[in-house]
């Protein structure tokens, strides 16, 4: 879908796991000019030059936005490792909250569209299938930074908060993800202990990137909060075990362990599975892939 001349899409976090998949999907769709911000990474991906950008540098970010003049911003950049945010909450606030504030204010002032990737970890885990109308009550500091950022986006004229479930699948960055790390261990005959008592609606990177691009380029332009999750509620253990079976690995190497009995520096929510009924109404026919489908996808990359 080639848009009109001069149409520009900016993606932040383009060197991250989700950002890299989303950048690839944008290139495939050819919406117009694509600008990719990437933290400290340089180089090119899919023919697009990665441009280092520090979200904490408010004035520099605003100046660069003024130069680029994007029509759409897909904001995937974040300090997303929960332990990193816990250990350095000030930087987590600067990156996740103040960086988002800068983008949201600019987009609102210039009438640009903003797609912000939030997280299922804005919820406290006390029930299943959270809806967009449920009130966030995060347990993790990471989740709190994302929850505090959401109103900055929903206050804009053309903003969407996409709360994304646990992501998994092959990596395009050269760095391991949770899923790819487990897969490589199982391939080598090394066991992995995985929580059986934490429940999510896991979503593969490819489906997440397709959905984000659908939302960003959709002509009807819905706004507000949308839950972006996979087709099934399952534990991390179920996710990895099913992936192992689909890949032909020894699934007995996937060992069950209880998060409730594992000491952790922050309390973890037990169930942040997301209802995706609203997503189905916005994007008819679009849904996530199963672990078995993602296992087949892995061999095609």
C-alpha atoms as a PDB file:
ATOM      1  CA  UNK A   1       0.000   0.000   0.000  1.00  0.00           C
ATOM      2  CA  UNK A   2       2.026   2.930  -1.229  1.00  0.00           C
ATOM      3  CA  UNK A   3       0.736   6.147   0.318  1.00  0.00           C
ATOM      4  CA  UNK A   4       0.851   9.607  -1.159  1.00  0.00           C
ATOM      5  CA  UNK A   5       4.215  11.233  -1.839  1.00  0.00           C
ATOM      6  CA  UNK A   6       5.727  12.655   1.322  1.00  0.00           C
ATOM      7  CA  UNK A   7       3.919  10.321   3.752  1.00  0.00           C
ATOM      8  CA  UNK A   8       6.386   9.529   6.560  1.00  0.00           C
ATOM      9  CA  UNK A   9       6.316   6.832   9.235  1.00  0.00           C
ATOM     10  CA  UNK A  10       8.684   7.048  12.213  1.00  0.00           C
ATOM     11  CA  UNK A  11       9.343   3.929  14.258  1.00  0.00           C
ATOM     12  CA  UNK A  12      11.161   4.203  17.584  1.00  0.00           C
ATOM     13  CA  UNK A  13      12.990   1.252  19.110  1.00  0.00           C
ATOM     14  CA  UNK A  14      13.785  -0.109  15.654  1.00  0.00           C
ATOM     15  CA  UNK A  15      16.733  -2.149  16.952  1.00  0.00           C
ATOM     16  CA  UNK A  16      14.614  -3.963  19.564  1.00  0.00           C
ATOM     17  CA  UNK A  17      12.933  -7.327  19.180  1.00  0.00           C
ATOM     18  CA  UNK A  18       9.461  -5.967  18.371  1.00  0.00           C
ATOM     19  CA  UNK A  19      10.837  -2.893  16.616  1.00  0.00           C
ATOM     20  CA  UNK A  20      12.908  -4.940  14.194  1.00  0.00           C
ATOM     21  CA  UNK A  21       9.934  -7.101  13.213  1.00  0.00           C
ATOM     22  CA  UNK A  22       7.747  -4.007  12.838  1.00  0.00           C
ATOM     23  CA  UNK A  23      10.325  -2.255  10.690  1.00  0.00           C
ATOM     24  CA  UNK A  24      10.489  -5.294   8.425  1.00  0.00           C
ATOM     25  CA  UNK A  25       6.701  -5.318   8.121  1.00  0.00           C
ATOM     26  CA  UNK A  26       6.654  -1.589   7.314  1.00  0.00           C
ATOM     27  CA  UNK A  27       9.197  -2.090   4.535  1.00  0.00           C
ATOM     28  CA  UNK A  28       7.110  -4.949   3.158  1.00  0.00           C
ATOM     29  CA  UNK A  29       4.031  -2.715   3.024  1.00  0.00           C
ATOM     30  CA  UNK A  30       5.921   0.260   1.547  1.00  0.00           C
ATOM     31  CA  UNK A  31       3.780   3.001   3.150  1.00  0.00           C
ATOM     32  CA  UNK A  32       6.123   5.808   2.046  1.00  0.00           C
ATOM     33  CA  UNK A  33       9.191   7.254   3.711  1.00  0.00           C
ATOM     34  CA  UNK A  34      10.307   5.256   6.785  1.00  0.00           C
ATOM     35  CA  UNK A  35      12.536   6.697   9.518  1.00  0.00           C
ATOM     36  CA  UNK A  36      13.932   4.264  12.110  1.00  0.00           C
ATOM     37  CA  UNK A  37      15.171   5.395  15.537  1.00  0.00           C
ATOM     38  CA  UNK A  38      17.238   2.825  17.352  1.00  0.00           C
ATOM     39  CA  UNK A  39      18.657   3.833  20.712  1.00  0.00           C
ATOM     40  CA  UNK A  40      22.421   3.462  20.305  1.00  0.00           C
ATOM     41  CA  UNK A  41      22.440   1.006  17.392  1.00  0.00           C
ATOM     42  CA  UNK A  42      23.673   1.954  13.928  1.00  0.00           C
ATOM     43  CA  UNK A  43      23.786   0.245  10.541  1.00  0.00           C
ATOM     44  CA  UNK A  44      20.946  -0.692   8.234  1.00  0.00           C
ATOM     45  CA  UNK A  45      18.092  -3.174   8.263  1.00  0.00           C
ATOM     46  CA  UNK A  46      15.896  -4.008   5.262  1.00  0.00           C
ATOM     47  CA  UNK A  47      17.578  -1.109   3.467  1.00  0.00           C
ATOM     48  CA  UNK A  48      16.620   1.412   6.184  1.00  0.00           C
ATOM     49  CA  UNK A  49      19.365   3.288   8.034  1.00  0.00           C
ATOM     50  CA  UNK A  50      19.091   3.026  11.818  1.00  0.00           C
ATOM     51  CA  UNK A  51      19.345   6.440  13.436  1.00  0.00           C
ATOM     52  CA  UNK A  52      20.491   6.591  17.100  1.00  0.00           C
ATOM     53  CA  UNK A  53      18.071   8.612  19.235  1.00  0.00           C
ATOM     54  CA  UNK A  54      18.039   9.237  22.978  1.00  0.00           C
ATOM     55  CA  UNK A  55      14.454   9.673  24.142  1.00  0.00           C
ATOM     56  CA  UNK A  56      15.529  11.375  27.369  1.00  0.00           C
ATOM     57  CA  UNK A  57      17.020  14.267  25.355  1.00  0.00           C
ATOM     58  CA  UNK A  58      13.764  16.201  25.042  1.00  0.00           C
ATOM     59  CA  UNK A  59      14.952  19.194  23.028  1.00  0.00           C
ATOM     60  CA  UNK A  60      17.030  17.098  20.630  1.00  0.00           C
ATOM     61  CA  UNK A  61      14.086  14.750  20.067  1.00  0.00           C
ATOM     62  CA  UNK A  62      11.725  17.647  19.391  1.00  0.00           C
ATOM     63  CA  UNK A  63      14.197  19.198  16.959  1.00  0.00           C
ATOM     64  CA  UNK A  64      14.548  15.923  15.093  1.00  0.00           C
ATOM     65  CA  UNK A  65      10.774  15.475  14.968  1.00  0.00           C
ATOM     66  CA  UNK A  66      10.461  18.956  13.515  1.00  0.00           C
ATOM     67  CA  UNK A  67      12.958  17.987  10.817  1.00  0.00           C
ATOM     68  CA  UNK A  68      11.336  14.634   9.997  1.00  0.00           C
ATOM     69  CA  UNK A  69       7.692  15.732  10.289  1.00  0.00           C
ATOM     70  CA  UNK A  70       6.294  12.180  10.570  1.00  0.00           C
ATOM     71  CA  UNK A  71       2.637  11.576   9.795  1.00  0.00           C
ATOM     72  CA  UNK A  72       2.626   8.456  11.983  1.00  0.00           C
ATOM     73  CA  UNK A  73       4.834   7.486  14.939  1.00  0.00           C
ATOM     74  CA  UNK A  74       4.979   3.822  16.018  1.00  0.00           C
ATOM     75  CA  UNK A  75       6.542   4.051  19.470  1.00  0.00           C
ATOM     76  CA  UNK A  76       8.063   0.691  20.451  1.00  0.00           C
ATOM     77  CA  UNK A  77      11.146   2.079  22.226  1.00  0.00           C
ATOM     78  CA  UNK A  78      11.281   1.485  25.974  1.00  0.00           C
ATOM     79  CA  UNK A  79      13.405   0.433  28.871  1.00  0.00           C
ATOM     80  CA  UNK A  80      11.580  -2.891  28.852  1.00  0.00           C
ATOM     81  CA  UNK A  81      13.579  -5.242  31.086  1.00  0.00           C
ATOM     82  CA  UNK A  82      11.708  -5.230  34.392  1.00  0.00           C
ATOM     83  CA  UNK A  83      14.884  -5.757  36.426  1.00  0.00           C
ATOM     84  CA  UNK A  84      16.586  -2.811  34.692  1.00  0.00           C
ATOM     85  CA  UNK A  85      13.704  -0.502  35.559  1.00  0.00           C
ATOM     86  CA  UNK A  86      13.601  -1.785  39.143  1.00  0.00           C
ATOM     87  CA  UNK A  87      17.321  -1.149  39.582  1.00  0.00           C
ATOM     88  CA  UNK A  88      17.262   2.243  37.854  1.00  0.00           C
ATOM     89  CA  UNK A  89      13.751   3.657  38.284  1.00  0.00           C
ATOM     90  CA  UNK A  90      14.830   7.213  37.489  1.00  0.00           C
ATOM     91  CA  UNK A  91      16.094   6.261  34.046  1.00  0.00           C
ATOM     92  CA  UNK A  92      13.038   4.067  33.560  1.00  0.00           C
ATOM     93  CA  UNK A  93      10.861   7.091  34.209  1.00  0.00           C
ATOM     94  CA  UNK A  94      12.886   9.300  31.870  1.00  0.00           C
ATOM     95  CA  UNK A  95      12.825   6.813  28.992  1.00  0.00           C
ATOM     96  CA  UNK A  96       9.393   5.258  29.376  1.00  0.00           C
ATOM     97  CA  UNK A  97       7.424   8.238  30.652  1.00  0.00           C
ATOM     98  CA  UNK A  98       9.183  11.454  29.702  1.00  0.00           C
ATOM     99  CA  UNK A  99      10.253  10.110  26.314  1.00  0.00           C
ATOM    100  CA  UNK A 100       6.641   9.182  25.608  1.00  0.00           C
ATOM    101  CA  UNK A 101       5.484  12.588  26.856  1.00  0.00           C
ATOM    102  CA  UNK A 102       7.765  14.326  24.336  1.00  0.00           C
ATOM    103  CA  UNK A 103       6.436  12.247  21.449  1.00  0.00           C
ATOM    104  CA  UNK A 104       2.805  12.584  22.551  1.00  0.00           C
ATOM    105  CA  UNK A 105       3.012  16.367  22.897  1.00  0.00           C
ATOM    106  CA  UNK A 106       4.638  16.751  19.488  1.00  0.00           C
ATOM    107  CA  UNK A 107       2.129  14.435  17.808  1.00  0.00           C
ATOM    108  CA  UNK A 108      -0.805  16.278  19.360  1.00  0.00           C
ATOM    109  CA  UNK A 109       0.564  19.683  18.361  1.00  0.00           C
ATOM    110  CA  UNK A 110       1.168  18.591  14.755  1.00  0.00           C
ATOM    111  CA  UNK A 111      -1.855  16.297  14.343  1.00  0.00           C
ATOM    112  CA  UNK A 112       0.358  13.258  13.785  1.00  0.00           C
ATOM    113  CA  UNK A 113      -0.854   9.748  14.584  1.00  0.00           C
ATOM    114  CA  UNK A 114       0.781   7.983  17.571  1.00  0.00           C
ATOM    115  CA  UNK A 115       0.753   4.224  18.206  1.00  0.00           C
ATOM    116  CA  UNK A 116       2.199   3.496  21.664  1.00  0.00           C
ATOM    117  CA  UNK A 117       3.147  -0.018  22.773  1.00  0.00           C
ATOM    118  CA  UNK A 118       2.208  -0.591  26.394  1.00  0.00           C
ATOM    119  CA  UNK A 119       2.098  -3.926  28.231  1.00  0.00           C
ATOM    120  CA  UNK A 120      -0.184  -6.480  29.867  1.00  0.00           C
ATOM    121  CA  UNK A 121       1.913  -5.894  33.013  1.00  0.00           C
ATOM    122  CA  UNK A 122      -0.131  -2.796  33.818  1.00  0.00           C
ATOM    123  CA  UNK A 123      -2.508  -5.233  35.589  1.00  0.00           C
ATOM    124  CA  UNK A 124      -2.110  -6.875  39.009  1.00  0.00           C
ATOM    125  CA  UNK A 125      -2.897 -10.432  37.913  1.00  0.00           C
ATOM    126  CA  UNK A 126      -5.926 -11.041  40.112  1.00  0.00           C
ATOM    127  CA  UNK A 127      -8.188 -12.319  37.319  1.00  0.00           C
ATOM    128  CA  UNK A 128      -8.176 -13.612  33.758  1.00  0.00           C
ATOM    129  CA  UNK A 129      -8.915 -11.932  30.426  1.00  0.00           C
ATOM    130  CA  UNK A 130      -8.474  -8.278  31.317  1.00  0.00           C
ATOM    131  CA  UNK A 131     -10.439  -5.840  29.165  1.00  0.00           C
ATOM    132  CA  UNK A 132      -9.626  -2.324  28.044  1.00  0.00           C
ATOM    133  CA  UNK A 133     -12.101  -0.980  30.614  1.00  0.00           C
ATOM    134  CA  UNK A 134     -10.299  -2.590  33.573  1.00  0.00           C
ATOM    135  CA  UNK A 135      -8.277  -0.246  35.769  1.00  0.00           C
ATOM    136  CA  UNK A 136      -4.483  -0.703  35.686  1.00  0.00           C
ATOM    137  CA  UNK A 137      -2.849  -1.560  39.015  1.00  0.00           C
ATOM    138  CA  UNK A 138       0.702  -2.689  38.168  1.00  0.00           C
ATOM    139  CA  UNK A 139       2.870  -4.590  40.638  1.00  0.00           C
ATOM    140  CA  UNK A 140       6.184  -4.033  38.843  1.00  0.00           C
ATOM    141  CA  UNK A 141       7.897  -0.661  38.545  1.00  0.00           C
ATOM    142  CA  UNK A 142       8.212  -1.321  34.805  1.00  0.00           C
ATOM    143  CA  UNK A 143       4.439  -1.716  34.612  1.00  0.00           C
ATOM    144  CA  UNK A 144       3.960   1.489  36.573  1.00  0.00           C
ATOM    145  CA  UNK A 145       6.072   3.479  34.110  1.00  0.00           C
ATOM    146  CA  UNK A 146       3.976   2.159  31.239  1.00  0.00           C
ATOM    147  CA  UNK A 147       0.659   2.741  33.039  1.00  0.00           C
ATOM    148  CA  UNK A 148       1.621   6.342  33.809  1.00  0.00           C
ATOM    149  CA  UNK A 149       2.491   6.869  30.135  1.00  0.00           C
ATOM    150  CA  UNK A 150      -0.805   5.630  28.729  1.00  0.00           C
ATOM    151  CA  UNK A 151      -2.876   8.770  29.564  1.00  0.00           C
ATOM    152  CA  UNK A 152      -0.266  10.897  27.792  1.00  0.00           C
ATOM    153  CA  UNK A 153      -1.159   9.062  24.572  1.00  0.00           C
ATOM    154  CA  UNK A 154      -4.917   8.771  25.008  1.00  0.00           C
ATOM    155  CA  UNK A 155      -5.020  12.541  25.612  1.00  0.00           C
ATOM    156  CA  UNK A 156      -3.800  13.144  22.055  1.00  0.00           C
ATOM    157  CA  UNK A 157      -6.244  13.555  19.188  1.00  0.00           C
ATOM    158  CA  UNK A 158      -4.999  10.567  17.180  1.00  0.00           C
ATOM    159  CA  UNK A 159      -3.374   8.261  19.720  1.00  0.00           C
ATOM    160  CA  UNK A 160      -3.668   4.521  20.318  1.00  0.00           C
ATOM    161  CA  UNK A 161      -2.339   2.650  23.350  1.00  0.00           C
ATOM    162  CA  UNK A 162      -1.669  -0.937  22.262  1.00  0.00           C
ATOM    163  CA  UNK A 163      -1.276  -3.080  25.391  1.00  0.00           C
ATOM    164  CA  UNK A 164       0.797  -5.980  24.152  1.00  0.00           C
ATOM    165  CA  UNK A 165       0.948  -9.418  25.726  1.00  0.00           C
ATOM    166  CA  UNK A 166       4.063 -11.532  26.323  1.00  0.00           C
ATOM    167  CA  UNK A 167       5.944 -11.591  23.012  1.00  0.00           C
ATOM    168  CA  UNK A 168       7.795 -14.602  21.672  1.00  0.00           C
ATOM    169  CA  UNK A 169       9.267 -16.064  18.548  1.00  0.00           C
ATOM    170  CA  UNK A 170      12.416 -15.951  16.424  1.00  0.00           C
ATOM    171  CA  UNK A 171      14.698 -12.984  16.873  1.00  0.00           C
ATOM    172  CA  UNK A 172      15.778 -10.693  14.028  1.00  0.00           C
ATOM    173  CA  UNK A 173      18.237  -8.731  16.183  1.00  0.00           C
ATOM    174  CA  UNK A 174      20.978 -11.300  16.707  1.00  0.00           C
ATOM    175  CA  UNK A 175      20.236 -11.080  20.440  1.00  0.00           C
ATOM    176  CA  UNK A 176      18.323 -13.870  22.184  1.00  0.00           C
ATOM    177  CA  UNK A 177      14.749 -13.421  23.310  1.00  0.00           C
ATOM    178  CA  UNK A 178      13.180 -15.460  26.124  1.00  0.00           C
ATOM    179  CA  UNK A 179      11.710 -17.850  23.570  1.00  0.00           C
ATOM    180  CA  UNK A 180      14.765 -18.191  21.330  1.00  0.00           C
ATOM    181  CA  UNK A 181      17.031 -18.687  24.349  1.00  0.00           C
ATOM    182  CA  UNK A 182      14.831 -21.565  25.543  1.00  0.00           C
ATOM    183  CA  UNK A 183      14.655 -23.056  22.055  1.00  0.00           C
ATOM    184  CA  UNK A 184      18.440 -23.035  21.620  1.00  0.00           C
ATOM    185  CA  UNK A 185      18.926 -24.627  25.050  1.00  0.00           C
ATOM    186  CA  UNK A 186      16.462 -27.398  24.228  1.00  0.00           C
ATOM    187  CA  UNK A 187      18.111 -27.921  20.856  1.00  0.00           C
ATOM    188  CA  UNK A 188      21.376 -28.539  22.722  1.00  0.00           C
ATOM    189  CA  UNK A 189      19.721 -30.933  25.167  1.00  0.00           C
ATOM    190  CA  UNK A 190      19.822 -28.471  28.062  1.00  0.00           C
ATOM    191  CA  UNK A 191      16.773 -28.340  30.311  1.00  0.00           C
ATOM    192  CA  UNK A 192      14.900 -25.160  31.193  1.00  0.00           C
ATOM    193  CA  UNK A 193      12.721 -24.589  34.262  1.00  0.00           C
ATOM    194  CA  UNK A 194       9.645 -22.571  33.306  1.00  0.00           C
ATOM    195  CA  UNK A 195       6.819 -21.142  35.409  1.00  0.00           C
ATOM    196  CA  UNK A 196       3.552 -23.069  35.313  1.00  0.00           C
ATOM    197  CA  UNK A 197       1.584 -20.597  37.435  1.00  0.00           C
ATOM    198  CA  UNK A 198       1.921 -17.367  35.449  1.00  0.00           C
ATOM    199  CA  UNK A 199      -0.649 -16.915  32.702  1.00  0.00           C
ATOM    200  CA  UNK A 200      -0.542 -14.653  29.650  1.00  0.00           C
ATOM    201  CA  UNK A 201      -1.975 -14.559  26.141  1.00  0.00           C
ATOM    202  CA  UNK A 202       1.368 -14.911  24.318  1.00  0.00           C
ATOM    203  CA  UNK A 203       1.694 -13.238  20.940  1.00  0.00           C
ATOM    204  CA  UNK A 204       4.324 -13.892  18.287  1.00  0.00           C
ATOM    205  CA  UNK A 205       6.459 -11.038  16.990  1.00  0.00           C
ATOM    206  CA  UNK A 206       5.242 -11.338  13.411  1.00  0.00           C
ATOM    207  CA  UNK A 207       1.572 -11.092  14.360  1.00  0.00           C
ATOM    208  CA  UNK A 208       2.320  -8.180  16.706  1.00  0.00           C
ATOM    209  CA  UNK A 209       4.131  -6.327  13.920  1.00  0.00           C
ATOM    210  CA  UNK A 210       1.294  -6.941  11.486  1.00  0.00           C
ATOM    211  CA  UNK A 211      -1.250  -5.634  13.990  1.00  0.00           C
ATOM    212  CA  UNK A 212       0.792  -2.526  14.800  1.00  0.00           C
ATOM    213  CA  UNK A 213       1.120  -1.709  11.108  1.00  0.00           C
ATOM    214  CA  UNK A 214      -2.599  -2.325  10.599  1.00  0.00           C
ATOM    215  CA  UNK A 215      -3.370   0.141  13.390  1.00  0.00           C
ATOM    216  CA  UNK A 216      -0.838   2.698  12.173  1.00  0.00           C
ATOM    217  CA  UNK A 217      -1.953   2.659   8.538  1.00  0.00           C
ATOM    218  CA  UNK A 218      -5.668   2.001   8.982  1.00  0.00           C
ATOM    219  CA  UNK A 219      -7.612   4.740   7.227  1.00  0.00           C
ATOM    220  CA  UNK A 220     -10.493   4.636   9.740  1.00  0.00           C
ATOM    221  CA  UNK A 221      -7.982   5.576  12.481  1.00  0.00           C
ATOM    222  CA  UNK A 222      -9.544   4.288  15.711  1.00  0.00           C
ATOM    223  CA  UNK A 223      -8.222   5.820  18.931  1.00  0.00           C
ATOM    224  CA  UNK A 224      -8.002   4.847  22.595  1.00  0.00           C
ATOM    225  CA  UNK A 225      -6.777   1.648  24.255  1.00  0.00           C
ATOM    226  CA  UNK A 226      -6.626  -1.729  22.522  1.00  0.00           C
ATOM    227  CA  UNK A 227      -5.435  -5.102  23.822  1.00  0.00           C
ATOM    228  CA  UNK A 228      -3.092  -6.952  21.488  1.00  0.00           C
ATOM    229  CA  UNK A 229      -2.661 -10.580  22.504  1.00  0.00           C
ATOM    230  CA  UNK A 230      -2.510 -14.079  21.134  1.00  0.00           C
ATOM    231  CA  UNK A 231      -5.349 -16.529  20.577  1.00  0.00           C
ATOM    232  CA  UNK A 232      -4.894 -18.596  23.770  1.00  0.00           C
ATOM    233  CA  UNK A 233      -4.394 -18.111  27.500  1.00  0.00           C
ATOM    234  CA  UNK A 234      -1.459 -20.232  28.598  1.00  0.00           C
ATOM    235  CA  UNK A 235       1.429 -20.412  31.032  1.00  0.00           C
ATOM    236  CA  UNK A 236       5.040 -19.868  30.018  1.00  0.00           C
ATOM    237  CA  UNK A 237       5.515 -23.604  30.614  1.00  0.00           C
ATOM    238  CA  UNK A 238       2.749 -24.454  28.139  1.00  0.00           C
ATOM    239  CA  UNK A 239       4.216 -22.044  25.593  1.00  0.00           C
ATOM    240  CA  UNK A 240       7.719 -23.511  25.717  1.00  0.00           C
ATOM    241  CA  UNK A 241       6.593 -27.137  25.960  1.00  0.00           C
ATOM    242  CA  UNK A 242       4.299 -26.815  22.931  1.00  0.00           C
ATOM    243  CA  UNK A 243       7.065 -25.059  21.016  1.00  0.00           C
ATOM    244  CA  UNK A 244       9.500 -27.840  21.898  1.00  0.00           C
ATOM    245  CA  UNK A 245       7.117 -30.528  20.663  1.00  0.00           C
ATOM    246  CA  UNK A 246       6.453 -28.631  17.428  1.00  0.00           C
ATOM    247  CA  UNK A 247      10.190 -28.257  16.806  1.00  0.00           C
ATOM    248  CA  UNK A 248      10.835 -31.948  17.457  1.00  0.00           C
ATOM    249  CA  UNK A 249      12.789 -31.429  20.680  1.00  0.00           C
ATOM    250  CA  UNK A 250      12.575 -33.493  23.870  1.00  0.00           C
ATOM    251  CA  UNK A 251       9.766 -31.788  25.772  1.00  0.00           C
ATOM    252  CA  UNK A 252      10.761 -33.557  29.003  1.00  0.00           C
ATOM    253  CA  UNK A 253      13.603 -31.031  29.156  1.00  0.00           C
ATOM    254  CA  UNK A 254      10.971 -28.363  29.903  1.00  0.00           C
ATOM    255  CA  UNK A 255      10.711 -28.532  33.693  1.00  0.00           C
ATOM    256  CA  UNK A 256       7.759 -27.072  35.616  1.00  0.00           C
ATOM    257  CA  UNK A 257       8.514 -24.633  38.425  1.00  0.00           C
ATOM    258  CA  UNK A 258       6.264 -22.425  40.539  1.00  0.00           C
ATOM    259  CA  UNK A 259       6.724 -18.688  40.456  1.00  0.00           C
ATOM    260  CA  UNK A 260       4.909 -18.605  43.802  1.00  0.00           C
ATOM    261  CA  UNK A 261       7.811 -20.549  45.335  1.00  0.00           C
ATOM    262  CA  UNK A 262      10.581 -18.614  43.584  1.00  0.00           C
ATOM    263  CA  UNK A 263      12.091 -15.641  45.475  1.00  0.00           C
ATOM    264  CA  UNK A 264      11.880 -12.464  43.395  1.00  0.00           C
ATOM    265  CA  UNK A 265      12.853  -8.835  44.016  1.00  0.00           C
ATOM    266  CA  UNK A 266       9.384  -7.592  42.994  1.00  0.00           C
ATOM    267  CA  UNK A 267       5.973  -9.280  43.211  1.00  0.00           C
ATOM    268  CA  UNK A 268       4.851 -10.691  39.875  1.00  0.00           C
ATOM    269  CA  UNK A 269       1.250 -10.764  38.616  1.00  0.00           C
ATOM    270  CA  UNK A 270      -0.082 -14.291  38.259  1.00  0.00           C
ATOM    271  CA  UNK A 271      -2.554 -13.760  35.411  1.00  0.00           C
ATOM    272  CA  UNK A 272      -2.456 -10.888  32.929  1.00  0.00           C
ATOM    273  CA  UNK A 273      -4.188 -12.668  30.068  1.00  0.00           C
ATOM    274  CA  UNK A 274      -5.893 -10.163  27.799  1.00  0.00           C
ATOM    275  CA  UNK A 275      -9.323 -10.121  26.216  1.00  0.00           C
ATOM    276  CA  UNK A 276      -8.917  -9.345  22.514  1.00  0.00           C
ATOM    277  CA  UNK A 277     -12.575  -9.020  21.556  1.00  0.00           C
ATOM    278  CA  UNK A 278     -12.125  -5.321  20.815  1.00  0.00           C
ATOM    279  CA  UNK A 279      -9.128  -6.070  18.593  1.00  0.00           C
ATOM    280  CA  UNK A 280     -11.194  -8.588  16.634  1.00  0.00           C
ATOM    281  CA  UNK A 281     -13.835  -5.918  16.028  1.00  0.00           C
ATOM    282  CA  UNK A 282     -11.246  -3.367  14.900  1.00  0.00           C
ATOM    283  CA  UNK A 283      -9.222  -5.711  12.697  1.00  0.00           C
ATOM    284  CA  UNK A 284     -11.497  -8.409  11.341  1.00  0.00           C
ATOM    285  CA  UNK A 285      -9.677 -11.657  10.630  1.00  0.00           C
ATOM    286  CA  UNK A 286      -6.402 -10.621  12.290  1.00  0.00           C
ATOM    287  CA  UNK A 287      -5.208 -12.821  15.163  1.00  0.00           C
ATOM    288  CA  UNK A 288      -1.989 -14.198  16.583  1.00  0.00           C
ATOM    289  CA  UNK A 289      -0.350 -17.453  15.613  1.00  0.00           C
ATOM    290  CA  UNK A 290      -0.201 -20.598  17.749  1.00  0.00           C
ATOM    291  CA  UNK A 291       3.135 -21.906  19.105  1.00  0.00           C
ATOM    292  CA  UNK A 292       2.985 -24.643  16.490  1.00  0.00           C
ATOM    293  CA  UNK A 293       2.614 -22.092  13.693  1.00  0.00           C
ATOM    294  CA  UNK A 294       5.479 -20.008  15.103  1.00  0.00           C
ATOM    295  CA  UNK A 295       7.689 -23.100  15.216  1.00  0.00           C
ATOM    296  CA  UNK A 296       7.079 -23.580  11.492  1.00  0.00           C
ATOM    297  CA  UNK A 297       7.745 -19.887  10.920  1.00  0.00           C
ATOM    298  CA  UNK A 298      11.134 -20.199  12.600  1.00  0.00           C
ATOM    299  CA  UNK A 299      12.417 -22.575   9.957  1.00  0.00           C
ATOM    300  CA  UNK A 300      11.395 -20.154   7.202  1.00  0.00           C
ATOM    301  CA  UNK A 301      13.430 -17.182   8.478  1.00  0.00           C
END
